[in-house]
């Protein structure tokens, strides 16, 4: 769920109850320390960061109380100007399979579409459950916040770069390979490049990237398979895959800005 106002704890409980889990999975070792997500969110709230979007994976084990979840946070005191809002993207679980992670992100008002910035550019930091200290989360959050001017500079650079028709087509082909690693020769380039709204019409790298990113993540593009049967690309729901595709698309965009 995503809205343009902070989510209440009632919203969080309804949409991602694993955020409130107070006990660790019985399959983990004694060295495992529970990183309670709601406690982290309360601490980040004291720093001005509030949750605006949340999701949780389905899990057969423990009724979902240990499931991986993702929370996107924004700080009303920090803005980039224009339609882009910087975010911190938090992922965690309580099943022993995942460390606590914080990523830098961007939310675009024009399309209500959350982007996740590539690891090597602005930093994605893991906090292990073993020996966890709340101070570690605060330090990581402050580090990401300090890097936000770099995000602004990078976005501004993307906006200044114009792509030729050939470059746009090449960008789409490479983006399709990220979403479909084995390839998808049935999708038409023009269907990917056609924006969903007038605000996304443009030839600059930033606009093209966002149009393509939305199609790769949210799906909705229809295409005919061999034999004529029509298929529509589905939205990427899996948290890990969503973040992975997002980051690889950002990395691809950086290549076109160098």
Protein backbone atom coordinates (compact mmCIF):
# COMPACT_ATOMS: atom_id res chain seq x y z
CA UNK A 1 0.00 0.00 0.00
CA UNK A 2 1.22 3.47 -0.86
CA UNK A 3 -0.34 6.81 0.07
CA UNK A 4 0.75 10.43 0.12
CA UNK A 5 0.43 10.74 3.87
CA UNK A 6 2.15 8.76 6.63
CA UNK A 7 0.73 5.35 7.50
CA UNK A 8 -0.66 4.90 10.99
CA UNK A 9 0.27 1.94 13.19
CA UNK A 10 -3.21 0.61 12.51
CA UNK A 11 -2.40 0.68 8.76
CA UNK A 12 0.93 -1.06 9.38
CA UNK A 13 -0.66 -3.80 11.47
CA UNK A 14 -3.31 -4.45 8.83
CA UNK A 15 -0.92 -4.50 5.87
CA UNK A 16 2.24 -6.02 7.35
CA UNK A 17 1.70 -7.59 10.80
CA UNK A 18 5.23 -9.06 10.77
CA UNK A 19 6.49 -5.52 11.48
CA UNK A 20 5.20 -5.91 15.03
CA UNK A 21 6.67 -9.38 15.74
CA UNK A 22 8.25 -9.49 19.19
CA UNK A 23 9.65 -13.03 19.08
CA UNK A 24 12.15 -14.72 16.77
CA UNK A 25 11.49 -17.82 14.73
CA UNK A 26 12.23 -21.04 16.63
CA UNK A 27 14.44 -22.19 13.75
CA UNK A 28 17.15 -19.60 14.38
CA UNK A 29 20.19 -19.99 16.63
CA UNK A 30 20.61 -18.58 20.14
CA UNK A 31 23.03 -16.00 18.73
CA UNK A 32 20.25 -14.46 16.64
CA UNK A 33 19.03 -11.11 17.99
CA UNK A 34 15.54 -9.97 17.07
CA UNK A 35 15.56 -6.67 15.16
CA UNK A 36 12.04 -5.55 15.92
CA UNK A 37 10.91 -3.43 12.99
CA UNK A 38 8.31 -1.38 14.82
CA UNK A 39 10.92 -0.35 17.41
CA UNK A 40 13.20 0.76 14.57
CA UNK A 41 10.34 2.71 12.96
CA UNK A 42 9.63 4.43 16.27
CA UNK A 43 13.29 5.42 16.54
CA UNK A 44 13.39 6.68 12.95
CA UNK A 45 10.19 8.62 13.57
CA UNK A 46 12.07 10.56 16.23
CA UNK A 47 14.48 11.56 13.44
CA UNK A 48 11.62 12.71 11.19
CA UNK A 49 11.29 9.56 9.03
CA UNK A 50 7.71 8.29 8.65
CA UNK A 51 6.34 5.22 6.77
CA UNK A 52 4.44 5.91 3.54
CA UNK A 53 4.41 2.49 1.90
CA UNK A 54 4.55 -1.05 3.26
CA UNK A 55 4.32 -4.59 1.92
CA UNK A 56 4.82 -8.10 3.25
CA UNK A 57 5.56 -11.40 1.54
CA UNK A 58 3.30 -14.41 1.97
CA UNK A 59 4.60 -17.16 4.20
CA UNK A 60 3.23 -20.55 5.18
CA UNK A 61 5.38 -20.67 8.30
CA UNK A 62 4.19 -19.04 11.52
CA UNK A 63 1.11 -17.50 9.92
CA UNK A 64 3.24 -14.75 8.34
CA UNK A 65 4.52 -13.26 11.61
CA UNK A 66 8.13 -13.87 10.55
CA UNK A 67 7.67 -12.84 6.89
CA UNK A 68 9.94 -10.48 5.01
CA UNK A 69 8.53 -6.97 4.81
CA UNK A 70 9.45 -3.67 3.17
CA UNK A 71 8.78 -0.16 4.45
CA UNK A 72 9.43 3.05 2.52
CA UNK A 73 9.98 6.14 4.68
CA UNK A 74 10.08 9.86 3.93
CA UNK A 75 11.19 12.88 5.90
CA UNK A 76 9.14 16.06 5.42
CA UNK A 77 12.20 18.16 6.25
CA UNK A 78 14.19 16.70 3.33
CA UNK A 79 13.23 17.33 -0.30
CA UNK A 80 14.89 17.40 -3.69
CA UNK A 81 12.68 19.98 -5.32
CA UNK A 82 10.47 19.13 -8.27
CA UNK A 83 8.46 15.91 -8.19
CA UNK A 84 11.11 13.69 -6.58
CA UNK A 85 11.03 12.83 -2.88
CA UNK A 86 14.01 11.02 -1.27
CA UNK A 87 13.22 7.93 0.74
CA UNK A 88 14.81 5.31 2.94
CA UNK A 89 13.73 1.78 2.03
CA UNK A 90 13.82 -0.71 4.89
CA UNK A 91 13.60 -4.49 4.58
CA UNK A 92 13.61 -7.06 7.37
CA UNK A 93 12.33 -10.48 8.42
CA UNK A 94 12.36 -12.61 11.55
CA UNK A 95 12.98 -16.06 10.05
CA UNK A 96 16.79 -15.99 10.12
CA UNK A 97 17.06 -15.83 6.32
CA UNK A 98 17.58 -12.11 5.89
CA UNK A 99 19.60 -9.36 7.49
CA UNK A 100 18.07 -5.97 8.21
CA UNK A 101 18.73 -3.69 5.20
CA UNK A 102 18.43 0.00 4.48
CA UNK A 103 18.50 1.40 0.92
CA UNK A 104 18.27 4.86 -0.55
CA UNK A 105 15.18 5.43 -2.68
CA UNK A 106 13.20 8.02 -4.62
CA UNK A 107 9.44 8.51 -4.84
CA UNK A 108 8.06 10.33 -7.89
CA UNK A 109 4.84 12.22 -7.32
CA UNK A 110 4.03 12.27 -11.04
CA UNK A 111 3.54 8.51 -11.19
CA UNK A 112 3.35 7.34 -7.56
CA UNK A 113 6.16 4.97 -8.41
CA UNK A 114 8.90 4.14 -5.93
CA UNK A 115 12.42 3.74 -7.24
CA UNK A 116 15.34 2.10 -5.43
CA UNK A 117 18.83 3.45 -6.05
CA UNK A 118 21.67 1.10 -6.91
CA UNK A 119 23.85 -0.24 -4.11
CA UNK A 120 27.24 0.91 -5.34
CA UNK A 121 26.03 4.44 -6.01
CA UNK A 122 24.41 5.55 -2.79
CA UNK A 123 24.78 2.64 -0.46
CA UNK A 124 22.68 -0.27 0.71
CA UNK A 125 23.67 -1.34 4.19
CA UNK A 126 23.05 -4.60 5.99
CA UNK A 127 22.69 -4.82 9.76
CA UNK A 128 23.10 -8.38 10.99
CA UNK A 129 20.68 -9.75 13.56
CA UNK A 130 23.56 -11.21 15.55
CA UNK A 131 24.86 -8.56 17.93
CA UNK A 132 22.35 -5.98 16.76
CA UNK A 133 22.39 -2.49 18.29
CA UNK A 134 19.80 0.23 17.57
CA UNK A 135 22.64 2.72 17.25
CA UNK A 136 23.76 0.84 14.11
CA UNK A 137 20.45 1.68 12.42
CA UNK A 138 20.69 5.34 13.38
CA UNK A 139 24.24 5.61 11.99
CA UNK A 140 23.19 4.01 8.69
CA UNK A 141 20.19 6.34 8.42
CA UNK A 142 22.38 9.38 9.00
CA UNK A 143 24.85 8.13 6.38
CA UNK A 144 22.11 7.74 3.77
CA UNK A 145 20.74 11.18 4.64
CA UNK A 146 24.18 12.74 4.16
CA UNK A 147 24.39 11.15 0.68
CA UNK A 148 21.08 12.63 -0.52
CA UNK A 149 22.76 15.64 -2.22
CA UNK A 150 24.51 13.08 -4.44
CA UNK A 151 21.10 11.68 -5.36
CA UNK A 152 19.92 15.15 -6.38
CA UNK A 153 23.02 15.71 -8.53
CA UNK A 154 22.59 12.35 -10.22
CA UNK A 155 18.92 12.95 -11.05
CA UNK A 156 19.74 16.44 -12.39
CA UNK A 157 22.41 14.89 -14.61
CA UNK A 158 19.93 12.34 -15.98
CA UNK A 159 17.52 15.15 -16.83
CA UNK A 160 20.16 16.95 -18.93
CA UNK A 161 20.96 13.95 -21.17
CA UNK A 162 18.92 13.53 -24.36
CA UNK A 163 18.57 10.07 -25.88
CA UNK A 164 18.28 9.37 -29.59
CA UNK A 165 15.63 6.95 -30.84
CA UNK A 166 18.30 4.28 -31.28
CA UNK A 167 19.56 4.79 -27.73
CA UNK A 168 16.04 4.61 -26.33
CA UNK A 169 15.40 1.35 -28.17
CA UNK A 170 18.70 -0.05 -26.92
CA UNK A 171 17.83 1.01 -23.37
CA UNK A 172 14.50 -0.84 -23.58
CA UNK A 173 16.11 -4.02 -24.93
CA UNK A 174 18.58 -4.07 -22.05
CA UNK A 175 15.84 -3.29 -19.51
CA UNK A 176 13.73 -6.18 -20.84
CA UNK A 177 16.72 -8.48 -20.24
CA UNK A 178 16.76 -7.34 -16.63
CA UNK A 179 13.08 -8.16 -16.14
CA UNK A 180 13.24 -11.31 -18.31
CA UNK A 181 16.83 -12.66 -18.10
CA UNK A 182 16.08 -15.31 -20.76
CA UNK A 183 14.71 -12.63 -23.04
CA UNK A 184 11.26 -11.65 -24.29
CA UNK A 185 11.16 -11.11 -28.03
CA UNK A 186 7.38 -10.64 -28.07
CA UNK A 187 7.26 -7.26 -26.32
CA UNK A 188 7.36 -4.29 -28.65
CA UNK A 189 9.80 -1.49 -27.83
CA UNK A 190 7.22 1.21 -28.57
CA UNK A 191 4.80 -0.32 -26.05
CA UNK A 192 7.45 0.03 -23.34
CA UNK A 193 8.36 3.59 -24.34
CA UNK A 194 4.76 4.82 -24.50
CA UNK A 195 4.19 6.81 -21.27
CA UNK A 196 1.14 6.27 -19.09
CA UNK A 197 0.59 10.01 -18.63
CA UNK A 198 1.39 13.34 -20.28
CA UNK A 199 3.80 14.23 -17.46
CA UNK A 200 6.12 11.43 -18.59
CA UNK A 201 6.54 12.57 -22.19
CA UNK A 202 10.16 13.48 -22.92
CA UNK A 203 13.44 12.52 -24.54
CA UNK A 204 15.74 12.96 -21.55
CA UNK A 205 17.32 9.99 -19.78
CA UNK A 206 15.47 10.58 -16.50
CA UNK A 207 12.05 10.54 -18.19
CA UNK A 208 12.85 7.52 -20.35
CA UNK A 209 14.21 5.66 -17.34
CA UNK A 210 11.06 6.30 -15.32
CA UNK A 211 8.73 5.28 -18.14
CA UNK A 212 10.64 2.03 -18.65
CA UNK A 213 11.05 1.38 -14.92
CA UNK A 214 7.32 1.67 -14.35
CA UNK A 215 6.57 -0.87 -17.09
CA UNK A 216 9.24 -3.28 -15.81
CA UNK A 217 8.01 -3.15 -12.21
CA UNK A 218 4.27 -2.55 -12.49
CA UNK A 219 3.75 -4.55 -15.66
CA UNK A 220 0.53 -4.01 -17.59
CA UNK A 221 2.16 -4.31 -21.02
CA UNK A 222 0.32 -6.74 -23.29
CA UNK A 223 2.00 -8.75 -26.02
CA UNK A 224 1.18 -11.67 -28.33
CA UNK A 225 2.99 -14.95 -27.82
CA UNK A 226 3.92 -17.32 -30.60
CA UNK A 227 0.64 -18.64 -31.92
CA UNK A 228 -1.24 -15.41 -31.23
CA UNK A 229 -2.21 -15.89 -27.57
CA UNK A 230 -2.14 -12.58 -25.71
CA UNK A 231 -0.34 -12.19 -22.41
CA UNK A 232 0.03 -9.24 -20.05
CA UNK A 233 3.13 -8.64 -17.93
CA UNK A 234 2.32 -8.89 -14.24
CA UNK A 235 3.44 -6.52 -11.53
CA UNK A 236 6.54 -7.63 -9.62
CA UNK A 237 5.30 -8.35 -6.10
CA UNK A 238 8.25 -10.25 -4.59
CA UNK A 239 10.22 -7.79 -2.42
CA UNK A 240 13.70 -9.11 -3.25
CA UNK A 241 13.05 -9.26 -6.99
CA UNK A 242 11.43 -5.83 -7.00
CA UNK A 243 14.47 -4.26 -5.33
CA UNK A 244 16.92 -6.22 -7.50
CA UNK A 245 15.26 -5.13 -10.76
CA UNK A 246 15.01 -1.56 -9.53
CA UNK A 247 18.69 -1.40 -8.68
CA UNK A 248 19.80 -2.98 -11.94
CA UNK A 249 17.68 -0.50 -13.89
CA UNK A 250 19.35 2.35 -12.00
CA UNK A 251 22.78 0.89 -12.79
CA UNK A 252 21.79 0.65 -16.45
CA UNK A 253 20.72 4.30 -16.42
CA UNK A 254 24.05 5.33 -14.90
CA UNK A 255 25.81 3.70 -17.85
CA UNK A 256 23.98 6.03 -20.21
CA UNK A 257 24.99 9.07 -18.16
CA UNK A 258 28.74 8.43 -18.17
